[in-house]
């Protein structure tokens, strides 16, 4: 799964670059059958949607980090953490 997440992250980067290029020169995305050139706004919106979908899929496939084990002879992680203003704060 991490390999697929990496591939999707690279795909999102390529899609972002294609979106920028498409906004600058939309004629590069001309339909070869009809000859129609997409509008810049259309390229921007669909490019952003494609990047967003690729990043959400990549983010959902990244494995969660393993929790660090508490060292012996010290406070455990739960007792050394307190909330300060609703945010966990390490003591």
Protein backbone atom coordinates (compact mmCIF):
# COMPACT_ATOMS: atom_id res chain seq x y z
CA UNK A 1 0.00 0.00 0.00
CA UNK A 2 2.76 2.53 0.68
CA UNK A 3 3.99 1.99 -2.89
CA UNK A 4 0.55 2.79 -4.27
CA UNK A 5 0.38 5.87 -2.05
CA UNK A 6 3.72 7.03 -3.44
CA UNK A 7 2.54 6.47 -7.01
CA UNK A 8 -0.63 8.46 -6.34
CA UNK A 9 1.41 11.27 -4.76
CA UNK A 10 3.60 11.48 -7.85
CA UNK A 11 0.46 11.39 -10.01
CA UNK A 12 -0.97 14.32 -8.01
CA UNK A 13 2.24 16.27 -8.61
CA UNK A 14 2.07 15.56 -12.35
CA UNK A 15 -1.61 16.55 -12.43
CA UNK A 16 -0.79 19.81 -10.64
CA UNK A 17 1.90 20.59 -13.21
CA UNK A 18 -0.50 19.73 -16.05
CA UNK A 19 -3.11 22.03 -14.51
CA UNK A 20 -0.67 24.93 -14.39
CA UNK A 21 0.41 24.29 -17.99
CA UNK A 22 -3.24 24.00 -19.05
CA UNK A 23 -4.12 27.33 -17.49
CA UNK A 24 -1.19 29.02 -19.24
CA UNK A 25 -1.69 27.32 -22.63
CA UNK A 26 -5.09 25.58 -22.87
CA UNK A 27 -4.54 24.89 -26.57
CA UNK A 28 -2.28 21.99 -25.53
CA UNK A 29 -5.43 20.18 -24.38
CA UNK A 30 -7.23 20.62 -27.72
CA UNK A 31 -9.68 17.85 -28.60
CA UNK A 32 -8.20 16.18 -31.68
CA UNK A 33 -11.54 15.07 -33.12
CA UNK A 34 -13.51 18.30 -32.75
CA UNK A 35 -10.71 20.84 -32.45
CA UNK A 36 -12.31 22.45 -29.40
CA UNK A 37 -10.03 24.10 -26.86
CA UNK A 38 -11.19 23.97 -23.22
CA UNK A 39 -11.63 27.19 -21.30
CA UNK A 40 -8.93 28.13 -18.79
CA UNK A 41 -11.37 28.04 -15.89
CA UNK A 42 -12.51 24.57 -16.89
CA UNK A 43 -8.92 23.31 -16.99
CA UNK A 44 -8.23 24.90 -13.60
CA UNK A 45 -11.33 23.49 -11.90
CA UNK A 46 -11.01 19.95 -13.26
CA UNK A 47 -7.27 19.94 -12.62
CA UNK A 48 -7.79 20.94 -9.00
CA UNK A 49 -10.46 18.28 -8.58
CA UNK A 50 -8.13 15.63 -10.04
CA UNK A 51 -5.26 16.69 -7.74
CA UNK A 52 -7.57 16.68 -4.73
CA UNK A 53 -8.89 13.19 -5.48
CA UNK A 54 -5.36 11.82 -6.04
CA UNK A 55 -4.12 13.32 -2.76
CA UNK A 56 -7.11 12.02 -0.78
CA UNK A 57 -6.55 8.53 -2.17
CA UNK A 58 -2.82 8.72 -1.48
CA UNK A 59 -3.41 10.01 2.04
CA UNK A 60 -5.85 7.23 2.81
CA UNK A 61 -3.30 4.59 1.77
CA UNK A 62 -0.40 5.87 3.87
CA UNK A 63 0.07 3.60 6.89
CA UNK A 64 -0.34 5.10 10.37
CA UNK A 65 2.90 5.68 12.26
CA UNK A 66 3.74 3.16 14.96
CA UNK A 67 3.37 4.53 18.50
CA UNK A 68 6.65 4.94 20.35
CA UNK A 69 7.05 2.65 23.35
CA UNK A 70 7.57 4.32 26.72
CA UNK A 71 11.11 3.97 28.04
CA UNK A 72 11.56 2.07 31.28
CA UNK A 73 12.24 4.16 34.35
CA UNK A 74 10.37 7.22 33.03
CA UNK A 75 6.77 8.35 33.09
CA UNK A 76 4.56 6.68 30.56
CA UNK A 77 3.28 8.74 27.67
CA UNK A 78 -0.28 9.02 29.00
CA UNK A 79 0.70 10.42 32.40
CA UNK A 80 3.23 12.90 31.01
CA UNK A 81 0.74 14.52 28.64
CA UNK A 82 -1.69 17.15 29.79
CA UNK A 83 -4.10 19.43 27.98
CA UNK A 84 -3.20 23.11 27.73
CA UNK A 85 -5.94 25.10 26.08
CA UNK A 86 -7.44 21.92 24.61
CA UNK A 87 -4.14 20.95 22.94
CA UNK A 88 -1.98 18.04 24.19
CA UNK A 89 1.18 19.34 25.82
CA UNK A 90 4.12 17.19 26.85
CA UNK A 91 5.34 17.85 30.40
